[in-house]
Protein backbone atom coordinates (compact mmCIF):
# COMPACT_ATOMS: atom_id res chain seq x y z
CA MET A 1 -7.12 2.91 57.55
CA LEU A 2 -8.36 5.23 60.33
CA THR A 3 -4.81 6.21 60.97
CA ALA A 4 -4.54 7.26 57.27
CA LEU A 5 -7.83 9.09 57.43
CA PHE A 6 -6.69 11.04 60.49
CA CYS A 7 -3.34 11.82 59.00
CA VAL A 8 -5.27 13.35 55.87
CA ILE A 9 -7.55 15.33 58.17
CA LEU A 10 -4.78 16.43 60.03
CA GLY A 11 -2.79 17.42 57.03
CA GLY A 12 -5.69 19.32 55.89
CA VAL A 13 -5.96 21.21 59.16
CA TRP A 14 -2.44 22.06 59.05
CA ASP A 15 -2.56 23.33 55.66
CA THR A 16 -5.44 25.73 56.45
CA LEU A 17 -3.55 26.83 59.62
CA GLU A 18 -0.43 27.55 57.59
CA HIS A 19 -2.76 29.55 55.13
CA ILE A 20 -4.14 31.74 57.72
CA VAL A 21 -0.92 32.27 59.35
CA GLY A 22 0.61 33.40 56.25
CA TRP A 23 -2.29 35.57 55.28
CA LEU A 24 -2.12 37.11 58.81
CA GLY A 25 1.57 37.59 58.17
CA LYS A 26 1.14 39.43 54.90
CA HIS A 27 -1.62 41.73 56.18
CA GLU A 28 -0.55 42.24 59.63
CA GLN A 29 -0.50 45.99 59.42
CA SER A 30 -4.05 46.09 57.68
CA LEU A 31 -5.21 44.03 60.66
CA ALA A 32 -3.69 46.04 63.37
CA ILE A 33 -5.65 49.24 61.95
CA TRP A 34 -8.88 47.29 61.81
CA LEU A 35 -8.51 46.07 65.23
CA GLU A 36 -7.53 49.55 66.51
CA GLY A 37 -10.47 50.96 64.77
CA PHE A 38 -12.89 48.44 66.47
CA ALA A 39 -11.24 49.15 69.87
CA LEU A 40 -11.80 53.06 69.49
CA VAL A 41 -15.44 52.39 68.32
CA ALA A 42 -15.87 50.06 71.32
CA ILE A 43 -14.39 52.54 73.68
CA PHE A 44 -16.52 55.51 72.24
CA PHE A 45 -19.64 53.41 72.76
CA LEU A 46 -18.62 52.73 76.21
CA GLU A 47 -18.07 56.33 77.16
CA LEU A 48 -20.99 57.38 75.59
CA LYS A 49 -22.99 54.95 77.78
CA GLU A 50 -21.28 56.23 80.65
CA TYR A 51 -22.05 59.82 79.59
CA LYS A 52 -25.65 59.07 79.32
CA ARG A 53 -25.82 57.47 82.75
CA GLN A 54 -23.91 60.37 84.34
CA GLY A 55 -26.16 62.73 82.39
CA ARG A 56 -29.38 60.75 83.85
CA GLU A 57 -27.79 61.27 87.41
CA ARG A 58 -27.15 65.00 86.97
CA ILE A 59 -30.74 65.46 85.83
CA GLU A 60 -32.25 63.56 88.99
CA GLN A 61 -29.79 65.72 91.04
CA HIS A 62 -31.02 68.84 89.27
CA LYS A 63 -34.84 67.79 89.98
CA GLU A 64 -34.01 66.84 93.43
CA SER A 65 -32.26 70.21 94.06
CA ALA A 66 -35.06 72.16 92.28
CA ALA A 67 -37.67 70.34 94.45
CA GLN A 68 -35.50 71.31 97.61
CA ILE A 69 -35.16 75.07 96.57
CA ALA A 70 -38.88 75.11 95.84
CA ILE A 71 -39.54 73.70 99.24
CA LEU A 72 -37.34 76.23 101.04
CA GLN A 73 -38.94 79.01 99.00
CA ARG A 74 -42.21 78.19 100.00
CA GLN A 75 -41.12 78.08 103.71
CA ALA A 76 -39.38 81.47 103.23
CA ASP A 77 -42.68 82.89 101.55
CA ALA A 78 -44.67 81.34 104.52
CA LEU A 79 -42.40 82.94 107.02
CA VAL A 80 -42.48 86.48 105.30
CA ASN A 81 -46.42 86.18 104.83
CA SER A 82 -46.78 85.30 108.53
CA GLU A 83 -44.64 88.28 109.66
CA ARG A 84 -44.89 91.03 107.17
CA ALA A 85 -47.37 93.87 107.13
CA TRP A 86 -50.92 93.63 105.91
CA VAL A 87 -52.82 96.99 105.64
CA ILE A 88 -56.42 97.06 105.10
CA ALA A 89 -58.49 100.32 103.92
CA GLU A 90 -61.80 101.37 104.90
CA LEU A 91 -64.01 104.38 104.53
CA VAL A 92 -65.53 105.01 108.02
CA PRO A 93 -68.13 107.57 109.00
CA ILE A 94 -67.11 110.38 111.15
CA CYS A 95 -70.62 110.56 112.69
CA ARG A 96 -72.51 107.70 114.51
CA ARG A 97 -76.09 106.87 114.43
CA PHE A 98 -77.62 106.19 118.12
CA GLY A 99 -81.39 105.18 117.71
CA ASP A 100 -82.87 107.84 115.22
CA ASP A 101 -80.24 110.46 115.93
CA TRP A 102 -76.82 111.22 114.64
CA HIS A 103 -73.79 112.15 116.77
CA ARG A 104 -70.76 113.70 116.36
CA PRO A 105 -67.46 112.75 118.11
CA ILE A 106 -66.53 115.44 120.75
CA GLY A 107 -63.58 114.75 123.29
CA ASN A 108 -64.09 111.01 124.54
CA GLY A 109 -67.87 111.03 124.13
CA TRP A 110 -70.42 112.13 121.34
CA ALA A 111 -72.63 115.04 120.87
CA GLN A 112 -75.92 115.12 119.06
CA LEU A 113 -76.13 116.84 115.64
CA SER A 114 -78.06 120.08 115.35
CA GLU A 115 -80.49 120.57 112.82
CA ASN A 116 -78.30 123.03 111.13
CA GLU A 117 -75.43 120.23 110.96
CA LEU A 118 -78.01 117.78 109.66
CA LEU A 119 -78.74 120.21 106.90
CA ASN A 120 -75.11 120.58 106.02
CA GLN A 121 -74.82 116.83 105.88
CA GLU A 122 -72.23 116.48 108.54
CA HIS A 123 -73.57 112.85 109.11
CA LEU A 124 -72.24 111.79 105.54
CA LYS A 125 -68.41 112.87 106.12
CA HIS A 126 -66.34 109.96 106.12
CA LYS A 127 -62.54 109.28 106.52
CA LEU A 128 -60.21 106.73 104.73
CA LYS A 129 -58.94 104.55 107.71
CA LEU A 130 -55.91 102.24 107.33
CA THR A 131 -55.10 99.39 109.70
CA ASN A 132 -52.03 97.25 109.57
CA MET A 133 -53.16 93.71 110.42
CA GLY A 134 -49.66 92.29 110.27
CA ARG A 135 -46.66 91.83 112.83
CA THR A 136 -44.14 94.29 111.43
CA PRO A 137 -44.54 97.97 110.40
CA ALA A 138 -45.96 98.98 106.81
CA HIS A 139 -44.60 102.29 105.00
CA ILE A 140 -47.64 103.67 103.60
CA LEU A 141 -46.90 105.55 100.19
CA SER A 142 -50.04 106.84 98.64
CA TYR A 143 -53.70 106.22 98.03
CA ARG A 144 -56.17 107.03 95.50
CA LEU A 145 -59.97 107.79 95.98
CA ILE A 146 -62.52 107.57 92.97
CA TYR A 147 -66.34 108.12 92.84
CA SER A 148 -68.02 106.80 90.39
CA CYS A 149 -71.75 107.14 89.64
CA LEU A 150 -73.04 104.09 87.46
CA ASP A 151 -75.56 104.74 84.73
CA LYS A 152 -79.04 102.98 85.05
CA GLY A 153 -78.99 99.19 85.07
CA VAL A 154 -75.05 99.11 85.39
CA THR A 155 -73.56 96.79 87.83
CA SER A 156 -69.90 97.08 86.99
CA LEU A 157 -67.18 99.63 86.96
CA SER A 158 -66.47 98.41 83.36
CA GLY A 159 -69.98 99.57 82.31
CA LYS A 160 -71.24 102.91 81.55
CA ILE A 161 -70.28 105.87 84.05
CA ALA A 162 -72.61 108.66 84.41
CA GLU A 163 -70.18 110.79 86.61
CA ARG A 164 -66.75 110.25 87.73
CA GLN A 165 -64.23 112.09 90.09
CA ASP A 166 -60.62 110.80 90.87
CA SER A 167 -58.02 111.97 93.16
CA GLN A 168 -54.67 110.75 94.33
CA HIS A 169 -52.61 111.81 97.34
CA ILE A 170 -49.18 111.19 98.69
CA PHE A 171 -49.43 109.77 102.36
CA ASP A 172 -45.85 109.00 103.62
CA HIS A 173 -46.60 107.44 106.84
CA LEU A 174 -45.07 104.49 108.80
CA LEU A 175 -47.73 102.48 110.43
CA GLY A 176 -46.91 100.18 113.17
CA ALA A 177 -48.11 96.47 113.67
CA THR A 178 -51.94 96.57 114.64
CA ASP A 179 -52.06 100.28 114.51
CA SER A 180 -54.41 102.35 112.45
CA THR A 181 -54.28 105.88 111.16
CA GLU A 182 -56.56 108.18 109.23
CA ALA A 183 -55.91 110.28 106.25
CA GLN A 184 -56.42 113.90 106.71
CA GLU A 185 -58.95 114.46 103.68
CA ILE A 186 -62.48 114.16 104.58
CA VAL A 187 -64.69 112.55 102.10
CA HIS A 188 -67.77 114.71 101.76
CA VAL A 189 -70.06 112.08 100.45
CA ASP A 190 -73.09 114.36 99.85
CA LYS A 191 -70.84 116.84 97.51
CA TYR A 192 -70.17 113.66 95.44
CA LEU A 193 -73.83 112.63 95.22
CA PHE A 194 -75.16 116.09 94.70
CA ARG A 195 -75.62 116.30 91.02
CA LYS A 196 -77.08 112.78 90.60
CA ILE A 197 -78.86 112.63 93.97
CA LYS A 198 -82.56 112.23 92.49
CA GLY A 199 -81.52 109.25 90.50
CA ILE A 200 -79.38 107.67 93.39
CA LYS A 201 -82.38 108.09 95.63
CA GLU A 202 -84.85 106.52 93.04
CA LEU A 203 -82.30 103.60 92.57
CA GLU A 204 -81.72 104.33 89.00
CA ASN A 205 -78.13 105.23 89.70
CA THR A 206 -75.49 103.72 91.86
CA ALA A 207 -72.94 105.82 93.51
CA VAL A 208 -69.66 103.91 94.11
CA PHE A 209 -66.58 105.04 96.25
CA HIS A 210 -63.61 102.93 95.29
CA GLY A 211 -59.64 102.99 95.21
CA TRP A 212 -56.57 101.73 96.47
CA VAL A 213 -53.61 102.30 98.88
CA LYS A 214 -49.97 101.63 98.18
CA TYR A 215 -47.43 100.48 100.80
CA GLN A 216 -44.32 98.68 101.55
CA HIS A 217 -43.30 95.90 104.04
CA VAL A 218 -39.96 95.46 105.74
CA PHE A 219 -39.15 92.27 104.01
CA SER A 220 -38.58 94.03 100.66
CA ASP A 221 -37.32 97.50 99.55
CA SER A 222 -38.70 97.37 95.96
CA GLU A 223 -42.25 95.49 96.22
CA VAL A 224 -44.91 97.83 96.35
CA VAL A 225 -48.25 96.41 97.42
CA LYS A 226 -51.52 97.62 96.32
CA VAL A 227 -54.76 96.98 98.25
CA SER A 228 -58.14 98.04 96.91
CA PHE A 229 -61.31 99.07 98.58
CA CYS A 230 -65.01 99.71 97.31
CA TYR A 231 -68.18 100.99 99.02
CA SER A 232 -71.63 101.76 97.35
CA TYR A 233 -73.80 104.39 98.61
CA ARG A 234 -77.36 103.00 100.13
CA PRO A 235 -79.91 105.70 100.54
CA SER A 236 -82.05 103.76 102.87
CA THR A 237 -79.39 104.01 105.62
CA LEU A 238 -77.59 107.15 104.47
CA GLY A 239 -74.53 105.26 104.52
CA LEU A 240 -71.82 103.11 102.53
CA VAL A 241 -71.78 99.41 102.25
CA ARG A 242 -68.69 97.75 101.62
CA VAL A 243 -68.36 95.63 98.42
CA PRO A 244 -66.60 92.40 98.75
CA GLU A 245 -63.42 91.43 96.95
CA VAL A 246 -63.26 87.87 95.32
CA LYS A 247 -60.08 86.60 93.81
CA GLY A 248 -58.52 89.76 93.45
CA VAL A 249 -61.35 91.48 91.52
CA VAL A 250 -63.96 93.22 92.89
CA GLU A 251 -67.32 92.04 92.31
CA TYR A 252 -69.90 94.77 91.91
CA GLU A 253 -72.88 92.84 91.22
CA SER A 254 -73.60 92.96 95.06
CA ILE A 255 -74.11 96.55 94.51
CA GLU A 256 -77.14 95.69 92.51
CA CYS A 257 -78.54 93.24 95.15
CA ALA A 258 -78.12 95.86 97.85
CA ASN A 259 -80.36 98.08 95.86
CA GLU A 260 -82.89 95.31 95.12
CA ASN A 261 -82.96 94.85 99.15
CA GLN A 262 -83.43 98.52 99.60
CA SER A 263 -86.44 98.68 97.30
CA ALA A 264 -88.09 95.79 99.17
CA ASN A 265 -87.65 97.68 102.55
């Protein structure tokens, strides 16, 4: 009986196989097309996966290259900054005060100002001095000198200006490393102060001398560097006081502090 059952099962399996083989024979072409389509889809997804992998690798390589370039750029900038010219601008008095007396330069020494020279305000004459603090030469191009008389209570050049004078000058000069030079123009401080001298002496107005100098360094033939300077006039000492520059913007609030200090003396 088991043998008969086995024969029945085997016969059924055989009929099924014959049916499948027959169906495959009849649909051989369609089946080939479907299999080819599945193969193409599989190949597409494999290639897409590989493309994404290569894309991620290229992105990582690009990031590494960009990081290396940034490091090299910082190193190059550091080298340039350590070797390039750095010019500072100062308004320096021509005369000096020794004790209670003013003196003017004569030869290698100093001579006391006469009464007539004091009346002519010789002790208030200044010059623009440029010093190259760098290790390579600087090509000075030009400079600008501005006189601003601030109105009462004003502590910033962006506020109300009671009087203003402005002059620009070409100054074609090659300044060597650690060298200094002076502009030919004499800054007659007294002539600037003349119209508002009463308000300045009474601390109602503040006299400010400011401007900039333009120069180039040897590491660039196109970059033009502009360095600024700013001084306020202090009546108590008959001289100019430098106003510090903070974060690239001159902070003029210190002018008011200087005047308050004067009134306390």
